[in-house]
Protein backbone atom coordinates (compact mmCIF):
# COMPACT_ATOMS: atom_id res chain seq x y z
CA MET A 1 0.00 0.00 0.00
CA ASN A 2 1.32 3.42 -0.94
CA LEU A 3 0.58 6.28 1.41
CA THR A 4 0.19 9.86 0.21
CA VAL A 5 0.40 12.75 2.66
CA VAL A 6 0.03 16.51 2.25
CA LEU A 7 2.14 18.31 4.84
CA ASP A 8 1.06 21.71 6.14
CA HIS A 9 3.38 24.18 7.87
CA THR A 10 3.04 22.54 11.27
CA ALA A 11 4.00 19.15 9.84
CA LEU A 12 6.96 20.70 8.00
CA THR A 13 8.14 22.28 11.24
CA ALA A 14 7.87 18.92 12.98
CA LEU A 15 9.79 17.23 10.16
CA TYR A 16 12.51 19.88 10.46
CA ARG A 17 12.76 19.07 14.17
CA ALA A 18 13.16 15.35 13.30
CA ASP A 19 9.78 14.24 14.62
CA PRO A 20 9.79 10.42 14.32
CA PHE A 21 6.34 10.18 12.72
CA PHE A 22 7.00 12.72 9.96
CA THR A 23 10.53 11.43 9.46
CA GLY A 24 9.03 7.97 8.95
CA LEU A 25 6.63 9.31 6.32
CA TYR A 26 9.55 10.90 4.49
CA ILE A 27 11.55 7.66 4.67
CA GLU A 28 8.62 5.84 3.06
CA ALA A 29 8.67 8.39 0.23
CA SER A 30 12.41 7.86 -0.22
CA ARG A 31 11.79 4.11 -0.57
CA GLY A 32 9.05 4.65 -3.13
CA THR A 33 6.36 3.26 -0.84
CA GLY A 34 4.88 6.64 -0.03
CA ARG A 35 4.42 10.10 -1.40
CA VAL A 36 5.00 13.41 0.40
CA ILE A 37 3.34 16.50 -1.07
CA ILE A 38 4.45 19.92 0.12
CA PRO A 39 2.32 22.98 -0.70
CA SER A 40 4.44 26.03 -1.52
CA LEU A 41 2.50 28.22 0.92
CA SER A 42 3.23 25.69 3.66
CA ILE A 43 6.94 26.08 2.92
CA LEU A 44 6.67 29.84 3.41
CA ALA A 45 4.57 29.51 6.58
CA ALA A 46 6.99 26.95 8.07
CA GLU A 47 9.93 29.30 7.45
CA ARG A 48 8.08 32.17 9.13
CA GLN A 49 7.26 29.94 12.09
CA VAL A 50 10.72 28.40 12.55
CA THR A 51 13.76 29.78 10.76
CA GLY A 52 15.22 27.06 8.54
CA ALA A 53 12.13 24.85 8.44
CA GLY A 54 10.91 26.20 5.09
CA LYS A 55 14.34 26.06 3.48
CA HIS A 56 14.69 22.49 4.70
CA ALA A 57 11.27 21.57 3.28
CA ALA A 58 12.09 23.16 -0.07
CA SER A 59 15.23 21.06 -0.35
CA LEU A 60 13.67 17.65 0.34
CA ARG A 61 14.63 15.37 -2.53
CA PHE A 62 11.82 12.85 -2.14
CA ALA A 63 8.96 15.31 -1.71
CA GLU A 64 6.81 16.94 -4.36
CA SER A 65 6.39 20.70 -4.11
CA VAL A 66 3.03 21.95 -5.40
CA PRO A 67 2.65 25.60 -6.41
CA PHE A 68 -0.35 27.66 -5.30
CA THR A 69 -2.66 28.03 -8.30
CA ALA A 70 -5.70 30.11 -9.14
CA ALA A 71 -7.79 26.93 -8.83
CA HIS A 72 -6.53 26.46 -5.25
CA ALA A 73 -7.44 30.10 -4.52
CA VAL A 74 -10.95 29.63 -5.89
CA ASP A 75 -11.47 26.52 -3.75
CA ALA A 76 -10.19 28.28 -0.63
CA MET A 77 -12.35 31.39 -1.09
CA ASP A 78 -15.32 29.63 0.50
CA TRP A 79 -13.32 28.52 3.56
CA ARG A 80 -13.34 31.80 5.45
CA ALA A 81 -12.43 30.17 8.77
CA VAL A 82 -9.29 28.56 7.32
CA ASP A 83 -6.04 30.49 7.74
CA TRP A 84 -3.92 30.93 4.60
CA PRO A 85 -1.12 28.57 5.76
CA VAL A 86 -3.63 25.71 5.87
CA ALA A 87 -5.75 26.71 2.87
CA HIS A 88 -3.25 25.53 0.26
CA ALA A 89 -2.82 22.11 1.85
CA ALA A 90 -6.60 21.78 2.18
CA ALA A 91 -7.11 22.79 -1.47
CA ILE A 92 -4.66 20.11 -2.61
CA ALA A 93 -6.51 17.50 -0.56
CA TRP A 94 -9.86 18.78 -1.87
CA ASP A 95 -8.59 18.43 -5.47
CA ALA A 96 -7.72 14.80 -4.70
CA VAL A 97 -11.23 14.20 -3.35
CA LYS A 98 -12.81 15.72 -6.46
CA ALA A 99 -10.60 13.55 -8.66
CA GLY A 100 -11.63 10.42 -6.75
CA GLU A 101 -8.12 9.86 -5.41
CA LEU A 102 -9.08 10.36 -1.77
CA ASN A 103 -12.08 9.38 0.32
CA LEU A 104 -13.15 11.97 2.90
CA SER A 105 -14.97 9.35 4.95
CA CYS A 106 -11.62 7.92 6.08
CA MET A 107 -10.23 11.30 7.14
CA ARG A 108 -10.75 13.66 10.02
CA VAL A 109 -11.66 16.73 7.99
CA PRO A 110 -13.40 19.84 9.27
CA ALA A 111 -17.00 20.16 8.18
CA LEU A 112 -16.18 23.33 6.25
CA LEU A 113 -14.34 21.25 3.63
CA ARG A 114 -17.17 18.78 3.10
């Protein structure tokens, strides 16, 4: 089973601090048995939260950086209670749901994204 994760700024900060859980997810991506997706706005937010965390995230070899697009902005416009550092990660996950790649019933997702 391949696992795909979208890391927000808090997860990127934890990864920078060598949190065992997030380090394990990254190791799975390096082995090809997982996929780590990093939203570009999460990189910026992580750097603003902890100096070095964003630069570290941007340099991860086995992670996929996803730019913030107009489509992500349109999705996030309806989520007024969601702060911008989380909105990009949520929009990426929402795109996966709409494409049938992800099932919301197996996730803990705030009602505002349903």
